[in-house]
Amino acid sequence: MNRLYGVMMVLLSVMIVGCSKSDIPVEKMEVADGSVEFTKKIDSIEEEPELWPEAFQKSMESFDFPASLTEAENTPKGIWWEKIEHDHLTEGEQAAAVETLQTVIKGDDSNSEKSDQIKRFISETYFPALPPMSTFTPRGKINLEAVESSSNIKLNGRELKENINIAIILDASGSMKNVQDGKTLMDIAKESIEDFASNLPDKAKVSLTIYGHKGTGSDADKQLSCGGIEEIYPLSSYDAGLFAAELESIVPSGWTSMAASLTQVGEKLASENSAESTNVIYLVSDGKETCDGNPVEAAKQLKESNIDPIINVIGLAVQSEDANELQRIAESAEGRYIHVKNQQELDQEFQESNNTIQQWINWHRQNTDEAINQLMEDKQRLMDLNEQTVDRLMLFLRHAKQTLMDLNKTQQLNQEVYNIVFEDLESFYNTMYKEKAELYTEKFKIIEETYTSTKSEIDETYKENFQ
């Protein structure tokens, strides 16, 4: 047994000697209770990183800092960049950098060659990882979602606003007592108007004006009835209870005063500073003017006023002669005449208009929001890149200068070499900063112009289709 143990020890000795002669570290051996155990093999020396700054290699090639921001962004970061970025560089490492440079500048190299060596060392040690400021490209115009619409509101090419005022003028003259399909024309109009108003967009305001509800249809009451024009629901957001109550109170009885009603509604809209909104007037009637007014001229004057309303005239179960007058009213204001024979057609007309209003308001808001979001995101991205570029360049410059000044304190660096390196560092920083500033201004302008162009296209598309 002792002889066998001796043979094993000899073999182990040979193995250890053999391994020690190689460049690969031996495996650690532990002997316990006469047994042999091996630990996990460690990585080879060849896989360990070289030490810095001792590993710096001199080169006789000339050296210049990057001449453009793009070149700087593509330059490999320095070995110690992350150390200085996270403030982990120790005093010992800083001192080691100076000691390495002391060795580098020894000898008979020219001042130009020495300055190149120092700059190369500074670059390979501290150069920053710059963000892609030069290659950042602001996004172009957003893709506007295609919307197809058969709108029943005609706007004739003027700029539209997101806020909409809907002014409804309802005929409450005696003829609205006429019955169709078991309902009076007034009841049909009330139900359709209430349904229309209740489905208007949140931002829309609505008003309700009536005429012909005072007096009777007799000649004796003509003046009273024709002058009895009343805004029973002032322009405001829709309130279901109040609106329904005002509608319920209407009792048809008198004469038809469309001209004066159009004029009064126009004055009300003007007093609300509604020139800042899109104004739509719906005139609902079953007949022609009977109060000696000229509704065709009144509608034309309204169209030419500052409030520039869209006047749509709805003829409810009217005779052909009366329909011709209602159509002329709409045409004089470049609006639209809609002839409806019954409640179903009236409901359909109001529903189509409501759908169109909501559809285009939503489209306008959605795409405007998207354009604004892109504007803010691109601006923020550009500002972040700008800030990161400046911060990292300044951090590099500060550490590079500090190393240069520490080297100068050793009194082994002549003034000319010091000046060359110092001035080149300053020149590099100033060149990068100037180009960065120009790029920032240029790209910021592109972002602003893209938003303006996109918003203009959104508004123009909204204008062209909301009709």
Protein backbone atom coordinates (compact mmCIF):
# COMPACT_ATOMS: atom_id res chain seq x y z
CA MET A 1 0.00 0.00 0.00
CA ASN A 2 2.82 2.43 0.89
CA ARG A 3 4.50 1.68 -2.42
CA LEU A 4 1.26 2.43 -4.30
CA TYR A 5 0.85 5.69 -2.40
CA GLY A 6 4.39 6.72 -3.34
CA VAL A 7 3.75 6.05 -7.03
CA MET A 8 0.62 8.20 -6.93
CA MET A 9 2.49 11.11 -5.34
CA VAL A 10 5.19 10.94 -8.00
CA LEU A 11 2.58 11.03 -10.77
CA LEU A 12 0.87 13.99 -9.15
CA SER A 13 4.19 15.82 -8.87
CA VAL A 14 4.82 15.31 -12.57
CA MET A 15 1.35 16.62 -13.41
CA ILE A 16 1.83 19.69 -11.26
CA VAL A 17 5.24 20.46 -12.74
CA GLY A 18 3.85 19.99 -16.25
CA CYS A 19 1.00 22.31 -15.63
CA SER A 20 3.17 24.94 -13.98
CA LYS A 21 5.27 25.14 -17.12
CA SER A 22 2.23 26.04 -19.21
CA ASP A 23 0.56 29.47 -19.42
CA ILE A 24 -2.69 28.01 -18.12
CA PRO A 25 -3.18 28.27 -14.32
CA VAL A 26 -3.21 24.99 -12.42
CA GLU A 27 -6.33 23.71 -10.79
CA LYS A 28 -6.33 24.10 -7.07
CA MET A 29 -5.81 20.78 -5.22
CA GLU A 30 -6.94 20.00 -1.75
CA VAL A 31 -5.99 16.83 0.13
CA ALA A 32 -8.24 15.65 2.94
CA ASP A 33 -8.17 12.34 4.75
CA GLY A 34 -5.88 10.88 2.17
CA SER A 35 -8.24 11.75 -0.72
CA VAL A 36 -7.62 14.14 -3.58
CA GLU A 37 -10.21 16.80 -4.55
CA PHE A 38 -10.09 19.35 -7.36
CA THR A 39 -11.85 22.68 -7.37
CA LYS A 40 -13.54 24.20 -10.45
CA LYS A 41 -11.00 25.30 -13.04
CA ILE A 42 -10.45 29.10 -13.20
CA ASP A 43 -10.35 31.17 -16.39
CA SER A 44 -7.07 31.37 -18.22
CA ILE A 45 -4.83 34.41 -17.98
CA GLU A 46 -5.37 35.03 -21.66
CA GLU A 47 -9.04 35.75 -20.93
CA GLU A 48 -8.31 38.39 -18.31
CA PRO A 49 -8.43 42.04 -19.46
CA GLU A 50 -5.17 43.89 -19.81
CA LEU A 51 -4.48 46.45 -17.12
CA TRP A 52 -4.98 50.12 -17.94
CA PRO A 53 -3.22 52.49 -18.26
CA GLU A 54 -0.12 50.28 -18.36
CA ALA A 55 -1.44 48.59 -21.51
CA PHE A 56 -1.39 51.85 -23.50
CA GLN A 57 0.73 51.49 -26.62
CA LYS A 58 2.62 54.38 -28.14
CA SER A 59 2.16 55.06 -31.82
CA MET A 60 4.22 57.24 -34.12
CA GLU A 61 1.15 58.12 -36.18
CA SER A 62 -0.19 61.63 -35.80
CA PHE A 63 -3.40 62.06 -33.82
CA ASP A 64 -6.29 64.49 -34.09
CA PHE A 65 -9.52 64.66 -32.17
CA PRO A 66 -12.66 64.11 -34.30
CA ALA A 67 -13.43 67.01 -36.63
CA SER A 68 -17.21 66.53 -36.71
CA LEU A 69 -19.94 65.48 -34.33
CA THR A 70 -20.75 62.44 -36.45
CA GLU A 71 -17.11 61.34 -36.29
CA ALA A 72 -17.07 61.91 -32.53
CA GLU A 73 -20.23 59.85 -32.08
CA ASN A 74 -18.59 56.98 -33.96
CA THR A 75 -15.34 57.15 -32.00
CA PRO A 76 -14.96 54.26 -29.51
CA LYS A 77 -15.52 55.32 -25.92
CA GLY A 78 -12.51 55.52 -23.64
CA ILE A 79 -11.63 52.57 -21.44
CA TRP A 80 -12.33 54.62 -18.33
CA TRP A 81 -15.32 56.53 -19.72
CA GLU A 82 -17.87 54.66 -17.64
CA LYS A 83 -15.73 55.19 -14.55
CA ILE A 84 -15.77 58.96 -14.96
CA GLU A 85 -19.41 58.99 -16.07
CA HIS A 86 -20.45 57.29 -12.83
CA ASP A 87 -17.81 59.09 -10.75
CA HIS A 88 -15.98 55.85 -9.95
CA LEU A 89 -12.49 56.94 -11.00
CA THR A 90 -10.17 56.74 -8.01
CA GLU A 91 -7.29 59.03 -7.10
CA GLY A 92 -4.98 56.08 -7.54
CA GLU A 93 -6.18 55.51 -11.09
CA GLN A 94 -5.81 59.19 -11.89
CA ALA A 95 -2.25 59.09 -10.54
CA ALA A 96 -1.54 55.97 -12.61
CA ALA A 97 -2.66 57.82 -15.74
CA VAL A 98 -0.19 60.61 -15.02
CA GLU A 99 2.62 58.12 -14.35
CA THR A 100 1.93 56.41 -17.67
CA LEU A 101 2.07 59.75 -19.48
CA GLN A 102 5.37 60.57 -17.78
CA THR A 103 6.79 57.42 -19.33
CA VAL A 104 5.20 58.17 -22.70
CA ILE A 105 6.75 61.63 -23.05
CA LYS A 106 10.27 60.55 -22.10
CA GLY A 107 12.74 60.36 -24.90
CA ASP A 108 13.71 62.45 -27.89
CA ASP A 109 10.30 62.70 -29.58
CA SER A 110 9.41 66.10 -30.99
CA ASN A 111 6.92 68.31 -29.19
CA SER A 112 4.36 67.53 -31.88
CA GLU A 113 4.87 63.80 -31.41
CA LYS A 114 4.63 64.10 -27.64
CA SER A 115 1.41 66.10 -27.87
CA ASP A 116 -0.04 63.46 -30.21
CA GLN A 117 0.81 60.72 -27.71
CA ILE A 118 -0.86 62.62 -24.88
CA LYS A 119 -3.99 63.29 -26.96
CA ARG A 120 -4.16 59.66 -28.04
CA PHE A 121 -3.88 58.51 -24.43
CA ILE A 122 -6.55 60.98 -23.31
CA SER A 123 -8.88 59.81 -26.08
CA GLU A 124 -8.36 56.10 -25.44
CA THR A 125 -8.85 56.66 -21.72
CA TYR A 126 -11.63 59.23 -21.35
CA PHE A 127 -13.41 59.73 -24.68
CA PRO A 128 -17.18 59.97 -24.12
CA ALA A 129 -19.90 57.70 -25.49
CA LEU A 130 -21.85 60.40 -27.30
CA PRO A 131 -25.57 59.98 -28.10
CA PRO A 132 -26.73 60.08 -31.75
CA MET A 133 -27.39 63.82 -31.89
CA SER A 134 -26.17 64.20 -35.47
CA THR A 135 -28.21 61.30 -36.84
CA PHE A 136 -31.44 62.07 -34.98
CA THR A 137 -34.15 62.65 -37.56
CA PRO A 138 -37.44 64.25 -36.51
CA ARG A 139 -40.47 62.31 -37.66
CA GLY A 140 -42.43 63.56 -40.64
CA LYS A 141 -46.12 64.37 -40.79
CA ILE A 142 -48.39 61.85 -39.16
CA ASN A 143 -50.53 59.67 -41.40
CA LEU A 144 -53.96 61.21 -41.23
CA GLU A 145 -56.61 58.59 -40.76
CA ALA A 146 -58.84 58.41 -43.82
CA VAL A 147 -62.44 59.27 -43.03
CA GLU A 148 -65.24 58.99 -45.55
CA SER A 149 -68.36 60.99 -44.89
CA SER A 150 -71.57 61.94 -46.66
CA SER A 151 -72.16 64.95 -44.48
CA ASN A 152 -75.28 67.03 -44.83
CA ILE A 153 -73.73 70.27 -43.55
CA LYS A 154 -72.23 72.60 -46.12
CA LEU A 155 -69.46 74.91 -44.94
CA ASN A 156 -68.15 76.27 -48.21
CA GLY A 157 -64.46 76.22 -47.64
CA ARG A 158 -64.06 78.46 -44.61
CA GLU A 159 -61.90 77.52 -41.64
CA LEU A 160 -63.75 75.43 -39.10
CA LYS A 161 -63.48 75.51 -35.35
CA GLU A 162 -63.88 72.62 -32.98
CA ASN A 163 -66.50 74.49 -30.96
CA ILE A 164 -69.93 74.40 -32.61
CA ASN A 165 -73.06 76.42 -31.90
CA ILE A 166 -76.34 74.90 -33.07
CA ALA A 167 -79.25 77.37 -33.24
CA ILE A 168 -82.63 75.75 -33.93
CA ILE A 169 -85.52 77.89 -35.14
CA LEU A 170 -88.85 76.09 -34.83
CA ASP A 171 -92.04 77.15 -36.56
CA ALA A 172 -94.88 77.28 -33.98
CA SER A 173 -97.48 78.79 -36.28
CA GLY A 174 -101.01 77.44 -36.43
CA SER A 175 -100.35 75.14 -39.37
CA MET A 176 -98.05 73.03 -37.19
CA LYS A 177 -101.25 71.67 -35.59
CA ASN A 178 -101.84 69.63 -38.72
CA VAL A 179 -101.84 65.88 -38.11
CA GLN A 180 -99.74 63.26 -39.87
CA ASP A 181 -99.78 59.58 -38.96
CA GLY A 182 -101.66 60.31 -35.76
CA LYS A 183 -99.30 63.08 -34.57
CA THR A 184 -99.31 66.81 -35.06
CA LEU A 185 -96.43 68.23 -37.06
CA MET A 186 -95.41 70.06 -33.86
CA ASP A 187 -95.16 66.79 -31.92
CA ILE A 188 -93.13 65.25 -34.72
CA ALA A 189 -90.76 68.23 -34.73
CA LYS A 190 -90.45 68.24 -30.95
CA GLU A 191 -89.50 64.57 -30.75
CA SER A 192 -86.96 64.79 -33.56
CA ILE A 193 -85.38 67.99 -32.24
CA GLU A 194 -85.09 66.61 -28.70
CA ASP A 195 -83.42 63.45 -29.98
CA PHE A 196 -81.05 65.53 -32.13
CA ALA A 197 -80.06 67.86 -29.28
CA SER A 198 -79.53 65.02 -26.84
CA ASN A 199 -76.93 63.43 -29.12
CA LEU A 200 -74.86 66.52 -29.89
CA PRO A 201 -71.13 66.36 -29.02
CA ASP A 202 -70.13 67.53 -25.56
CA LYS A 203 -68.48 70.69 -26.86
CA ALA A 204 -71.50 71.73 -28.91
CA LYS A 205 -73.87 74.40 -27.62
CA VAL A 206 -77.51 74.55 -28.61
CA SER A 207 -80.27 77.16 -28.54
CA LEU A 208 -83.97 76.96 -29.38
CA THR A 209 -85.95 79.87 -30.79
CA ILE A 210 -89.64 79.73 -31.68
CA TYR A 211 -92.05 81.97 -33.54
CA GLY A 212 -95.83 81.92 -34.13
CA HIS A 213 -96.70 80.71 -30.63
CA LYS A 214 -98.36 83.95 -29.57
CA GLY A 215 -101.82 85.15 -30.55
CA THR A 216 -103.84 83.38 -33.16
CA GLY A 217 -103.91 83.12 -36.92
CA SER A 218 -106.45 85.95 -37.16
CA ASP A 219 -105.61 89.28 -38.76
CA ALA A 220 -106.29 90.96 -35.42
CA ASP A 221 -103.45 89.01 -33.82
CA LYS A 222 -101.01 89.31 -36.73
CA GLN A 223 -98.85 92.03 -35.18
CA LEU A 224 -98.76 90.26 -31.83
CA SER A 225 -97.92 86.92 -33.39
CA CYS A 226 -95.34 88.21 -35.88
CA GLY A 227 -93.53 90.07 -33.11
CA GLY A 228 -93.68 87.15 -30.72
CA ILE A 229 -90.25 85.64 -31.39
CA GLU A 230 -88.66 84.06 -28.32
CA GLU A 231 -85.42 82.26 -27.52
CA ILE A 232 -86.80 79.77 -25.03
CA TYR A 233 -83.52 77.87 -24.56
CA PRO A 234 -80.53 80.26 -24.63
CA LEU A 235 -77.30 79.10 -26.27
CA SER A 236 -75.62 76.73 -23.83
CA SER A 237 -74.69 73.10 -23.29
CA TYR A 238 -77.55 70.66 -23.60
CA ASP A 239 -79.52 70.07 -20.41
CA ALA A 240 -82.03 67.29 -20.97
CA GLY A 241 -84.53 68.39 -18.32
CA LEU A 242 -84.57 72.07 -19.20
CA PHE A 243 -84.60 71.49 -22.95
CA ALA A 244 -87.46 68.98 -22.74
CA ALA A 245 -89.48 71.30 -20.51
CA GLU A 246 -89.15 74.21 -22.94
CA LEU A 247 -90.12 72.02 -25.89
CA GLU A 248 -93.15 70.70 -24.03
CA SER A 249 -94.42 74.22 -23.37
CA ILE A 250 -94.72 75.13 -27.07
CA VAL A 251 -98.27 75.39 -28.41
CA PRO A 252 -98.64 76.27 -32.12
CA SER A 253 -101.15 79.01 -32.84
CA GLY A 254 -100.15 82.07 -34.91
CA TRP A 255 -98.30 83.47 -37.91
CA THR A 256 -95.01 82.54 -39.65
CA SER A 257 -92.18 85.07 -39.16
CA MET A 258 -89.06 83.40 -40.55
CA ALA A 259 -87.23 86.58 -41.63
CA ALA A 260 -87.40 88.26 -38.23
CA SER A 261 -86.50 84.99 -36.50
CA LEU A 262 -83.37 84.57 -38.61
CA THR A 263 -82.33 88.14 -37.86
CA GLN A 264 -82.89 87.75 -34.10
CA VAL A 265 -80.98 84.47 -33.93
CA GLY A 266 -78.10 86.09 -35.81
CA GLU A 267 -78.00 88.92 -33.29
CA LYS A 268 -77.98 86.43 -30.41
CA LEU A 269 -75.09 84.48 -31.92
CA ALA A 270 -73.14 87.70 -32.50
CA SER A 271 -73.62 88.73 -28.85
CA GLU A 272 -72.12 85.40 -27.75
CA ASN A 273 -68.83 86.19 -29.54
CA SER A 274 -69.62 83.17 -31.64
CA ALA A 275 -67.35 84.32 -34.45
CA GLU A 276 -64.82 82.10 -32.67
CA SER A 277 -67.03 79.05 -33.29
CA THR A 278 -68.73 77.27 -36.16
CA ASN A 279 -72.35 78.43 -36.21
CA VAL A 280 -75.11 76.25 -37.66
CA ILE A 281 -78.73 77.38 -37.93
CA TYR A 282 -81.54 74.89 -38.51
CA LEU A 283 -84.80 76.46 -39.61
CA VAL A 284 -87.66 73.96 -39.29
CA SER A 285 -90.93 75.04 -40.90
CA ASP A 286 -93.98 73.68 -42.68
CA GLY A 287 -94.70 76.72 -44.81
CA LYS A 288 -93.74 80.10 -46.16
CA GLU A 289 -93.32 83.55 -44.59
CA THR A 290 -96.65 85.16 -43.60
CA CYS A 291 -95.40 88.17 -41.63
CA ASP A 292 -94.38 90.27 -44.65
CA GLY A 293 -90.68 89.72 -44.08
CA ASN A 294 -88.06 88.68 -46.62
CA PRO A 295 -86.41 85.53 -45.25
CA VAL A 296 -84.33 85.09 -48.41
CA GLU A 297 -82.66 88.47 -47.88
CA ALA A 298 -82.37 87.91 -44.12
CA ALA A 299 -80.53 84.62 -44.69
CA LYS A 300 -78.22 86.23 -47.24
CA GLN A 301 -77.30 89.05 -44.84
CA LEU A 302 -76.59 86.55 -42.09
CA LYS A 303 -74.28 84.61 -44.37
CA GLU A 304 -72.33 87.79 -45.11
CA SER A 305 -72.05 88.76 -41.42
CA ASN A 306 -69.13 88.12 -39.08
CA ILE A 307 -70.74 85.03 -37.58
CA ASP A 308 -70.96 83.47 -41.08
CA PRO A 309 -73.50 80.79 -40.14
CA ILE A 310 -74.43 77.66 -42.03
CA ILE A 311 -78.15 77.91 -42.61
CA ASN A 312 -79.92 74.65 -43.32
CA VAL A 313 -83.64 74.77 -43.92
CA ILE A 314 -85.84 71.75 -43.21
CA GLY A 315 -89.25 71.71 -44.83
CA LEU A 316 -91.62 69.45 -42.90
CA ALA A 317 -94.47 68.08 -45.04
CA VAL A 318 -94.67 71.31 -47.08
CA GLN A 319 -96.52 71.97 -50.30
CA SER A 320 -94.50 72.52 -53.47
CA GLU A 321 -95.05 76.30 -53.55
CA ASP A 322 -93.92 76.71 -49.96
CA ALA A 323 -91.01 74.34 -50.57
CA ASN A 324 -89.71 76.62 -53.34
CA GLU A 325 -89.50 79.55 -50.92
CA LEU A 326 -87.75 77.48 -48.27
CA GLN A 327 -85.26 76.28 -50.87
CA ARG A 328 -84.50 79.88 -51.93
CA ILE A 329 -83.80 80.75 -48.28
CA ALA A 330 -81.20 77.99 -48.06
CA GLU A 331 -79.63 78.82 -51.42
CA SER A 332 -79.28 82.52 -50.57
CA ALA A 333 -77.11 81.54 -47.60
CA GLU A 334 -75.26 78.85 -49.58
CA GLY A 335 -76.86 76.35 -47.27
CA ARG A 336 -78.97 73.30 -47.90
CA TYR A 337 -82.67 72.69 -48.17
CA ILE A 338 -83.93 69.34 -46.90
CA HIS A 339 -87.45 68.26 -47.72
CA VAL A 340 -88.81 65.70 -45.25
CA LYS A 341 -92.21 64.10 -45.65
CA ASN A 342 -92.57 62.50 -42.23
CA GLN A 343 -90.99 61.97 -38.82
CA GLN A 344 -88.80 59.13 -40.02
CA GLU A 345 -87.16 61.33 -42.64
CA LEU A 346 -86.78 64.20 -40.16
CA ASP A 347 -85.14 61.88 -37.64
CA GLN A 348 -82.84 60.55 -40.33
CA GLU A 349 -81.77 64.04 -41.39
CA PHE A 350 -80.94 65.11 -37.86
CA GLN A 351 -79.15 61.81 -37.17
CA GLU A 352 -76.96 62.10 -40.26
CA SER A 353 -76.01 65.65 -39.35
CA ASN A 354 -75.26 64.65 -35.79
CA ASN A 355 -73.13 61.71 -36.89
CA THR A 356 -71.17 63.95 -39.23
CA ILE A 357 -70.56 66.60 -36.58
CA GLN A 358 -69.37 64.01 -34.08
CA GLN A 359 -67.31 62.11 -36.62
CA TRP A 360 -65.31 65.12 -37.75
CA ILE A 361 -64.90 66.60 -34.30
CA ASN A 362 -63.47 63.26 -33.15
CA TRP A 363 -61.25 63.02 -36.23
CA HIS A 364 -59.97 66.56 -35.75
CA ARG A 365 -59.32 66.04 -32.05
CA GLN A 366 -57.67 62.64 -32.49
CA ASN A 367 -55.25 63.74 -35.19
CA THR A 368 -54.52 67.07 -33.53
CA ASP A 369 -53.69 65.23 -30.29
CA GLU A 370 -51.44 62.83 -32.18
CA ALA A 371 -49.64 65.70 -33.90
CA ILE A 372 -49.16 67.48 -30.57
CA ASN A 373 -47.89 64.29 -28.93
CA GLN A 374 -45.37 63.78 -31.73
CA LEU A 375 -44.31 67.42 -31.45
CA MET A 376 -43.70 67.10 -27.71
CA GLU A 377 -41.99 63.70 -27.97
CA ASP A 378 -39.62 64.81 -30.73
CA LYS A 379 -38.83 68.03 -28.89
CA GLN A 380 -38.12 66.12 -25.70
CA ARG A 381 -35.94 63.60 -27.51
CA LEU A 382 -33.97 66.40 -29.15
CA MET A 383 -33.55 68.26 -25.86
CA ASP A 384 -32.39 65.06 -24.15
CA LEU A 385 -29.82 64.42 -26.89
CA ASN A 386 -28.65 68.01 -26.67
CA GLU A 387 -28.26 67.86 -22.90
CA GLN A 388 -26.50 64.48 -22.96
CA THR A 389 -24.08 65.64 -25.65
CA VAL A 390 -23.13 68.79 -23.76
CA ASP A 391 -22.83 67.04 -20.40
CA ARG A 392 -20.61 64.25 -21.76
CA LEU A 393 -18.37 66.59 -23.73
CA MET A 394 -17.89 68.76 -20.65
CA LEU A 395 -17.14 65.73 -18.48
CA PHE A 396 -14.54 64.53 -20.98
CA LEU A 397 -12.98 67.98 -21.21
CA ARG A 398 -12.78 68.35 -17.45
CA HIS A 399 -11.01 65.02 -16.88
CA ALA A 400 -8.74 65.50 -19.88
CA LYS A 401 -7.66 68.93 -18.65
CA GLN A 402 -7.20 67.65 -15.11
CA THR A 403 -4.90 64.88 -16.32
CA LEU A 404 -2.96 67.37 -18.43
CA MET A 405 -2.57 69.78 -15.52
CA ASP A 406 -1.53 66.98 -13.15
CA LEU A 407 1.08 65.93 -15.70
CA ASN A 408 2.27 69.52 -15.97
CA LYS A 409 2.78 69.65 -12.20
CA THR A 410 5.39 66.91 -12.48
CA GLN A 411 7.56 69.45 -14.33
CA GLN A 412 8.32 66.86 -17.01
CA LEU A 413 6.12 68.54 -19.61
CA ASN A 414 7.39 71.54 -21.52
CA GLN A 415 5.11 74.50 -22.05
CA GLU A 416 4.78 74.10 -25.79
CA VAL A 417 3.45 70.54 -25.52
CA TYR A 418 1.10 71.61 -22.76
CA ASN A 419 -0.23 74.49 -24.87
CA ILE A 420 -0.72 72.30 -27.95
CA VAL A 421 -2.75 69.70 -26.08
CA PHE A 422 -4.72 72.27 -24.08
CA GLU A 423 -5.63 74.28 -27.18
CA ASP A 424 -6.57 71.16 -29.14
CA LEU A 425 -8.87 70.06 -26.33
CA GLU A 426 -10.50 73.50 -26.26
CA SER A 427 -10.81 73.53 -30.04
CA PHE A 428 -12.37 70.07 -30.09
CA TYR A 429 -14.95 71.00 -27.47
CA ASN A 430 -15.82 74.31 -29.15
CA THR A 431 -16.16 72.65 -32.56
CA MET A 432 -18.45 69.97 -31.19
CA TYR A 433 -20.52 72.47 -29.23
CA LYS A 434 -20.97 74.76 -32.22
CA GLU A 435 -22.06 71.93 -34.51
CA LYS A 436 -24.34 70.57 -31.81
CA ALA A 437 -25.97 74.00 -31.39
CA GLU A 438 -26.51 74.36 -35.13
CA LEU A 439 -28.02 70.89 -35.38
CA TYR A 440 -30.27 71.57 -32.42
CA THR A 441 -31.61 74.77 -33.99
CA GLU A 442 -32.06 73.11 -37.37
CA LYS A 443 -33.83 70.02 -36.05
CA PHE A 444 -35.98 72.03 -33.63
CA LYS A 445 -37.16 74.14 -36.57
CA ILE A 446 -37.98 71.00 -38.57
CA ILE A 447 -40.05 69.66 -35.67
CA GLU A 448 -41.99 72.93 -35.41
CA GLU A 449 -42.53 73.16 -39.16
CA THR A 450 -43.69 69.54 -39.34
CA TYR A 451 -46.27 70.20 -36.65
CA THR A 452 -47.48 73.40 -38.33
CA SER A 453 -47.77 71.65 -41.68
CA THR A 454 -49.54 68.65 -40.17
CA LYS A 455 -51.97 70.85 -38.22
CA SER A 456 -52.71 72.83 -41.37
CA GLU A 457 -53.45 69.62 -43.27
CA ILE A 458 -55.69 68.40 -40.46
CA ASP A 459 -57.63 71.67 -40.45
CA GLU A 460 -57.88 71.72 -44.24
CA THR A 461 -59.11 68.12 -44.40
CA TYR A 462 -61.57 68.87 -41.61
CA LYS A 463 -62.76 71.92 -43.51
CA GLU A 464 -63.14 70.10 -46.82
CA ASN A 465 -65.04 67.14 -45.40
CA PHE A 466 -67.20 68.78 -42.76
CA GLN A 467 -69.81 69.83 -45.29
